[in-house]
């Protein structure tokens, strides 16, 4: 990463419903989404993590078009359109974008999570 370049940092939050279908869906599609992120042009860094029914995915992109290509990818579309769509398993979600230079990237991603909750 270049020190002077401004990167798109996206913090995605997803809370799944408390039912077997939601757990099954996450287990089925999460690995494919991670694999797609690994090979997505413009994806510089990603850090997915989970706490109970809450999922966060922090991604760093070279630009918005790269992130939009990922969102339109088969792996991502399969996950959100499976069955009755995202409404069938999502209780809550939020996406927050930041435009940061390398030096502005937090050392601890929890800082962005806390900031997004304000």
N, C-alpha and C. Protein backbone atom coordinates (compact mmCIF):
# COMPACT_ATOMS: atom_id res chain seq x y z
N UNK A 1 0.84 -1.18 0.00
CA UNK A 1 0.00 0.00 0.00
C UNK A 1 0.88 1.24 0.00
N UNK A 2 0.49 2.19 -0.80
CA UNK A 2 1.22 3.44 -0.94
C UNK A 2 0.80 4.41 0.17
N UNK A 3 1.76 5.15 0.72
CA UNK A 3 1.48 6.06 1.84
C UNK A 3 0.54 7.20 1.48
N UNK A 4 0.59 7.70 0.24
CA UNK A 4 -0.20 8.88 -0.13
C UNK A 4 -1.55 8.53 -0.76
N UNK A 5 -1.75 7.29 -1.16
CA UNK A 5 -3.00 6.89 -1.80
C UNK A 5 -4.13 6.80 -0.78
N UNK A 6 -5.30 7.26 -1.18
CA UNK A 6 -6.49 7.14 -0.34
C UNK A 6 -7.21 5.87 -0.75
N UNK A 7 -7.46 5.00 0.23
CA UNK A 7 -8.10 3.71 -0.01
C UNK A 7 -9.54 3.73 0.49
N UNK A 8 -10.36 2.91 -0.11
CA UNK A 8 -11.73 2.72 0.36
C UNK A 8 -11.72 1.59 1.38
N UNK A 9 -12.15 1.89 2.57
CA UNK A 9 -12.25 0.90 3.64
C UNK A 9 -13.73 0.71 3.94
N UNK A 10 -14.20 -0.51 3.83
CA UNK A 10 -15.61 -0.80 4.06
C UNK A 10 -15.74 -1.71 5.26
N UNK A 11 -16.59 -1.30 6.19
CA UNK A 11 -16.91 -2.13 7.34
C UNK A 11 -18.34 -2.60 7.18
N UNK A 12 -18.50 -3.89 6.96
CA UNK A 12 -19.83 -4.47 6.81
C UNK A 12 -20.22 -5.20 8.08
N UNK A 13 -21.45 -4.97 8.51
CA UNK A 13 -21.99 -5.61 9.71
C UNK A 13 -23.26 -6.36 9.32
N UNK A 14 -23.39 -7.56 9.83
CA UNK A 14 -24.56 -8.39 9.54
C UNK A 14 -24.92 -9.17 10.79
N UNK A 15 -26.17 -9.07 11.19
CA UNK A 15 -26.67 -9.86 12.32
C UNK A 15 -27.72 -10.81 11.75
N UNK A 16 -27.50 -12.11 11.94
CA UNK A 16 -28.42 -13.10 11.40
C UNK A 16 -29.49 -13.45 12.42
N UNK A 17 -30.62 -13.88 11.91
CA UNK A 17 -31.73 -14.29 12.76
C UNK A 17 -31.36 -15.55 13.54
N UNK A 18 -32.08 -15.82 14.58
CA UNK A 18 -31.82 -16.99 15.42
C UNK A 18 -32.67 -18.15 14.93
N UNK A 19 -32.23 -18.79 13.87
CA UNK A 19 -32.89 -20.00 13.42
C UNK A 19 -31.90 -20.85 12.63
N UNK A 20 -32.26 -22.08 12.43
CA UNK A 20 -31.37 -23.03 11.76
C UNK A 20 -31.09 -22.62 10.32
N UNK A 21 -32.07 -22.04 9.64
CA UNK A 21 -31.87 -21.62 8.25
C UNK A 21 -30.78 -20.56 8.15
N UNK A 22 -30.79 -19.62 9.07
CA UNK A 22 -29.76 -18.58 9.05
C UNK A 22 -28.37 -19.19 9.26
N UNK A 23 -28.23 -20.08 10.23
CA UNK A 23 -26.94 -20.73 10.47
C UNK A 23 -26.49 -21.54 9.27
N UNK A 24 -27.41 -22.25 8.66
CA UNK A 24 -27.10 -23.06 7.48
C UNK A 24 -26.63 -22.18 6.33
N UNK A 25 -27.31 -21.09 6.15
CA UNK A 25 -26.98 -20.19 5.05
C UNK A 25 -25.59 -19.58 5.22
N UNK A 26 -25.29 -19.13 6.41
CA UNK A 26 -23.97 -18.55 6.67
C UNK A 26 -22.89 -19.60 6.45
N UNK A 27 -23.09 -20.79 6.97
CA UNK A 27 -22.11 -21.87 6.81
C UNK A 27 -21.91 -22.22 5.34
N UNK A 28 -22.96 -22.15 4.56
CA UNK A 28 -22.89 -22.51 3.15
C UNK A 28 -22.16 -21.48 2.32
N UNK A 29 -22.40 -20.19 2.56
CA UNK A 29 -21.90 -19.15 1.66
C UNK A 29 -20.68 -18.39 2.14
N UNK A 30 -20.43 -18.34 3.44
CA UNK A 30 -19.30 -17.57 3.95
C UNK A 30 -17.97 -18.01 3.34
N UNK A 31 -17.68 -19.30 3.26
CA UNK A 31 -16.40 -19.71 2.65
C UNK A 31 -16.25 -19.27 1.19
N UNK A 32 -17.32 -19.31 0.41
CA UNK A 32 -17.26 -18.90 -1.00
C UNK A 32 -17.00 -17.40 -1.11
N UNK A 33 -17.59 -16.64 -0.22
CA UNK A 33 -17.37 -15.20 -0.24
C UNK A 33 -15.91 -14.88 0.10
N UNK A 34 -15.35 -15.57 1.08
CA UNK A 34 -13.94 -15.36 1.44
C UNK A 34 -13.04 -15.71 0.27
N UNK A 35 -13.31 -16.81 -0.40
CA UNK A 35 -12.51 -17.20 -1.58
C UNK A 35 -12.62 -16.15 -2.68
N UNK A 36 -13.81 -15.61 -2.88
CA UNK A 36 -13.98 -14.56 -3.90
C UNK A 36 -13.19 -13.31 -3.52
N UNK A 37 -13.19 -12.95 -2.25
CA UNK A 37 -12.40 -11.80 -1.81
C UNK A 37 -10.92 -12.00 -2.09
N UNK A 38 -10.43 -13.20 -1.86
CA UNK A 38 -9.01 -13.49 -2.07
C UNK A 38 -8.57 -13.25 -3.51
N UNK A 39 -9.48 -13.45 -4.46
CA UNK A 39 -9.09 -13.31 -5.87
C UNK A 39 -9.69 -12.08 -6.54
N UNK A 40 -10.33 -11.21 -5.78
CA UNK A 40 -10.95 -10.02 -6.35
C UNK A 40 -9.91 -8.95 -6.64
N UNK A 41 -9.83 -8.49 -7.90
CA UNK A 41 -8.91 -7.39 -8.23
C UNK A 41 -9.30 -6.15 -7.43
N UNK A 42 -8.32 -5.50 -6.87
CA UNK A 42 -8.57 -4.29 -6.10
C UNK A 42 -8.79 -4.52 -4.62
N UNK A 43 -8.96 -5.77 -4.21
CA UNK A 43 -9.10 -6.08 -2.79
C UNK A 43 -7.70 -6.17 -2.20
N UNK A 44 -7.38 -5.30 -1.29
CA UNK A 44 -6.03 -5.23 -0.73
C UNK A 44 -5.93 -6.04 0.55
N UNK A 45 -6.95 -5.90 1.38
CA UNK A 45 -6.92 -6.59 2.67
C UNK A 45 -8.36 -6.85 3.11
N UNK A 46 -8.56 -7.95 3.80
CA UNK A 46 -9.88 -8.20 4.38
C UNK A 46 -9.71 -8.96 5.67
N UNK A 47 -10.63 -8.70 6.56
CA UNK A 47 -10.59 -9.34 7.87
C UNK A 47 -12.01 -9.64 8.32
N UNK A 48 -12.47 -10.87 8.08
CA UNK A 48 -13.80 -11.24 8.56
C UNK A 48 -13.72 -11.77 9.99
N UNK A 49 -14.72 -11.47 10.78
CA UNK A 49 -14.79 -12.09 12.09
C UNK A 49 -16.23 -12.15 12.55
N UNK A 50 -16.45 -13.04 13.51
CA UNK A 50 -17.80 -13.36 13.96
C UNK A 50 -17.83 -13.39 15.48
N UNK A 51 -18.95 -12.90 16.02
CA UNK A 51 -19.23 -13.02 17.44
C UNK A 51 -20.69 -13.44 17.55
N UNK A 52 -20.92 -14.69 17.90
CA UNK A 52 -22.26 -15.26 17.99
C UNK A 52 -23.00 -15.10 16.66
N UNK A 53 -24.09 -14.33 16.65
CA UNK A 53 -24.87 -14.14 15.42
C UNK A 53 -24.45 -12.89 14.65
N UNK A 54 -23.40 -12.22 15.09
CA UNK A 54 -22.95 -10.99 14.45
C UNK A 54 -21.68 -11.25 13.63
N UNK A 55 -21.68 -10.72 12.42
CA UNK A 55 -20.55 -10.87 11.52
C UNK A 55 -20.07 -9.50 11.08
N UNK A 56 -18.77 -9.30 11.06
CA UNK A 56 -18.17 -8.09 10.52
C UNK A 56 -17.20 -8.52 9.43
N UNK A 57 -17.13 -7.73 8.41
CA UNK A 57 -16.14 -7.95 7.37
C UNK A 57 -15.53 -6.60 7.04
N UNK A 58 -14.27 -6.47 7.33
CA UNK A 58 -13.55 -5.24 7.03
C UNK A 58 -12.75 -5.49 5.76
N UNK A 59 -12.97 -4.65 4.76
CA UNK A 59 -12.23 -4.79 3.50
C UNK A 59 -11.59 -3.47 3.14
N UNK A 60 -10.40 -3.57 2.54
CA UNK A 60 -9.70 -2.40 2.03
C UNK A 60 -9.59 -2.59 0.52
N UNK A 61 -10.02 -1.56 -0.23
CA UNK A 61 -10.08 -1.61 -1.68
C UNK A 61 -9.28 -0.48 -2.30
N UNK A 62 -8.79 -0.72 -3.51
CA UNK A 62 -8.10 0.34 -4.23
C UNK A 62 -9.08 1.43 -4.65
N UNK A 63 -10.34 1.04 -4.91
CA UNK A 63 -11.34 2.01 -5.34
C UNK A 63 -12.74 1.40 -5.23
N UNK A 64 -13.75 2.26 -5.40
CA UNK A 64 -15.15 1.83 -5.27
C UNK A 64 -15.54 0.85 -6.36
N UNK A 65 -15.01 1.02 -7.57
CA UNK A 65 -15.37 0.10 -8.66
C UNK A 65 -14.94 -1.32 -8.36
N UNK A 66 -13.80 -1.49 -7.73
CA UNK A 66 -13.33 -2.83 -7.36
C UNK A 66 -14.28 -3.47 -6.36
N UNK A 67 -14.73 -2.68 -5.38
CA UNK A 67 -15.66 -3.21 -4.40
C UNK A 67 -17.00 -3.54 -5.07
N UNK A 68 -17.45 -2.70 -5.97
CA UNK A 68 -18.72 -2.95 -6.67
C UNK A 68 -18.65 -4.22 -7.51
N UNK A 69 -17.49 -4.49 -8.11
CA UNK A 69 -17.33 -5.75 -8.87
C UNK A 69 -17.47 -6.95 -7.95
N UNK A 70 -16.90 -6.86 -6.76
CA UNK A 70 -17.04 -7.95 -5.80
C UNK A 70 -18.51 -8.14 -5.40
N UNK A 71 -19.19 -7.04 -5.10
CA UNK A 71 -20.60 -7.12 -4.70
C UNK A 71 -21.44 -7.77 -5.81
N UNK A 72 -21.07 -7.54 -7.06
CA UNK A 72 -21.79 -8.13 -8.19
C UNK A 72 -21.34 -9.55 -8.53
N UNK A 73 -20.31 -10.05 -7.84
CA UNK A 73 -19.76 -11.38 -8.14
C UNK A 73 -20.79 -12.48 -7.85
N UNK A 74 -20.62 -13.60 -8.52
CA UNK A 74 -21.53 -14.73 -8.34
C UNK A 74 -21.59 -15.19 -6.88
N UNK A 75 -20.44 -15.29 -6.22
CA UNK A 75 -20.41 -15.76 -4.83
C UNK A 75 -21.24 -14.85 -3.93
N UNK A 76 -21.10 -13.55 -4.09
CA UNK A 76 -21.83 -12.62 -3.25
C UNK A 76 -23.32 -12.62 -3.60
N UNK A 77 -23.63 -12.62 -4.88
CA UNK A 77 -25.03 -12.62 -5.31
C UNK A 77 -25.74 -13.92 -4.91
N UNK A 78 -25.04 -15.05 -5.02
CA UNK A 78 -25.63 -16.32 -4.59
C UNK A 78 -26.02 -16.27 -3.12
N UNK A 79 -25.16 -15.67 -2.30
CA UNK A 79 -25.42 -15.61 -0.86
C UNK A 79 -26.63 -14.74 -0.54
N UNK A 80 -26.72 -13.58 -1.18
CA UNK A 80 -27.82 -12.68 -0.80
C UNK A 80 -29.13 -13.02 -1.48
N UNK A 81 -29.09 -13.80 -2.55
CA UNK A 81 -30.33 -14.14 -3.27
C UNK A 81 -30.83 -15.56 -3.03
N UNK A 82 -30.12 -16.33 -2.23
CA UNK A 82 -30.49 -17.72 -1.98
C UNK A 82 -31.86 -17.81 -1.30
N UNK A 83 -32.64 -18.75 -1.71
CA UNK A 83 -33.95 -18.96 -1.08
C UNK A 83 -34.84 -17.76 -1.25
N UNK A 84 -35.29 -17.22 -0.15
CA UNK A 84 -36.18 -16.06 -0.16
C UNK A 84 -35.42 -14.74 -0.10
N UNK A 85 -34.14 -14.76 -0.34
CA UNK A 85 -33.35 -13.54 -0.29
C UNK A 85 -32.84 -13.22 1.09
N UNK A 86 -32.07 -12.15 1.19
CA UNK A 86 -31.42 -11.79 2.44
C UNK A 86 -32.42 -11.56 3.58
N UNK A 87 -33.61 -11.09 3.28
CA UNK A 87 -34.59 -10.85 4.34
C UNK A 87 -34.97 -12.11 5.10
N UNK A 88 -34.73 -13.27 4.50
CA UNK A 88 -35.10 -14.51 5.16
C UNK A 88 -34.13 -14.90 6.28
N UNK A 89 -32.96 -14.28 6.32
CA UNK A 89 -32.00 -14.66 7.37
C UNK A 89 -31.32 -13.48 8.05
N UNK A 90 -31.49 -12.28 7.55
CA UNK A 90 -30.83 -11.11 8.12
C UNK A 90 -31.76 -10.37 9.07
N UNK A 91 -31.27 -10.15 10.28
CA UNK A 91 -32.03 -9.37 11.26
C UNK A 91 -31.65 -7.89 11.16
N UNK A 92 -30.37 -7.62 10.93
CA UNK A 92 -29.88 -6.24 10.87
C UNK A 92 -28.61 -6.21 10.04
N UNK A 93 -28.34 -5.08 9.40
CA UNK A 93 -27.10 -4.91 8.66
C UNK A 93 -26.76 -3.44 8.54
N UNK A 94 -25.48 -3.17 8.33
CA UNK A 94 -25.00 -1.81 8.14
C UNK A 94 -23.67 -1.87 7.42
N UNK A 95 -23.49 -0.96 6.48
CA UNK A 95 -22.22 -0.84 5.76
C UNK A 95 -21.73 0.59 5.92
N UNK A 96 -20.48 0.73 6.31
CA UNK A 96 -19.89 2.04 6.52
C UNK A 96 -18.60 2.12 5.72
N UNK A 97 -18.48 3.18 4.93
CA UNK A 97 -17.27 3.40 4.13
C UNK A 97 -16.42 4.49 4.76
N UNK A 98 -15.12 4.28 4.71
CA UNK A 98 -14.13 5.27 5.15
C UNK A 98 -13.14 5.44 4.01
N UNK A 99 -12.62 6.63 3.86
CA UNK A 99 -11.56 6.89 2.88
C UNK A 99 -10.32 7.27 3.68
N UNK A 100 -9.35 6.34 3.69
CA UNK A 100 -8.20 6.49 4.56
C UNK A 100 -6.89 6.27 3.81
N UNK A 101 -5.87 6.99 4.24
CA UNK A 101 -4.51 6.73 3.76
C UNK A 101 -3.90 5.62 4.62
N UNK A 102 -2.82 5.05 4.15
CA UNK A 102 -2.18 3.95 4.88
C UNK A 102 -1.90 4.33 6.34
N UNK A 103 -1.38 5.52 6.56
CA UNK A 103 -1.03 5.95 7.92
C UNK A 103 -2.26 6.12 8.81
N UNK A 104 -3.43 6.30 8.20
CA UNK A 104 -4.66 6.50 8.97
C UNK A 104 -5.37 5.19 9.31
N UNK A 105 -4.90 4.09 8.74
CA UNK A 105 -5.53 2.79 9.00
C UNK A 105 -5.34 2.45 10.48
N UNK A 106 -6.40 2.08 11.15
CA UNK A 106 -6.27 1.75 12.58
C UNK A 106 -5.46 0.46 12.76
N UNK A 107 -4.72 0.44 13.83
CA UNK A 107 -3.96 -0.78 14.16
C UNK A 107 -4.89 -1.87 14.67
N UNK A 108 -5.97 -1.45 15.30
CA UNK A 108 -6.95 -2.36 15.86
C UNK A 108 -8.29 -2.07 15.20
N UNK A 109 -8.82 -3.03 14.44
CA UNK A 109 -10.06 -2.82 13.70
C UNK A 109 -11.25 -2.59 14.62
N UNK A 110 -11.13 -2.94 15.88
CA UNK A 110 -12.20 -2.70 16.84
C UNK A 110 -12.53 -1.20 16.91
N UNK A 111 -11.54 -0.38 16.66
CA UNK A 111 -11.75 1.08 16.65
C UNK A 111 -12.81 1.48 15.61
N UNK A 112 -12.76 0.89 14.41
CA UNK A 112 -13.76 1.18 13.38
C UNK A 112 -15.12 0.62 13.73
N UNK A 113 -15.12 -0.55 14.35
CA UNK A 113 -16.40 -1.14 14.77
C UNK A 113 -17.07 -0.24 15.80
N UNK A 114 -16.30 0.20 16.78
CA UNK A 114 -16.85 1.10 17.80
C UNK A 114 -17.35 2.40 17.19
N UNK A 115 -16.57 2.94 16.25
CA UNK A 115 -16.94 4.19 15.58
C UNK A 115 -18.24 4.02 14.78
N UNK A 116 -18.44 2.86 14.15
CA UNK A 116 -19.62 2.65 13.34
C UNK A 116 -20.88 2.52 14.18
N UNK A 117 -20.73 2.19 15.44
CA UNK A 117 -21.88 2.02 16.35
C UNK A 117 -22.37 3.34 16.91
N UNK A 118 -21.61 4.40 16.72
CA UNK A 118 -21.99 5.72 17.28
C UNK A 118 -23.06 6.38 16.45
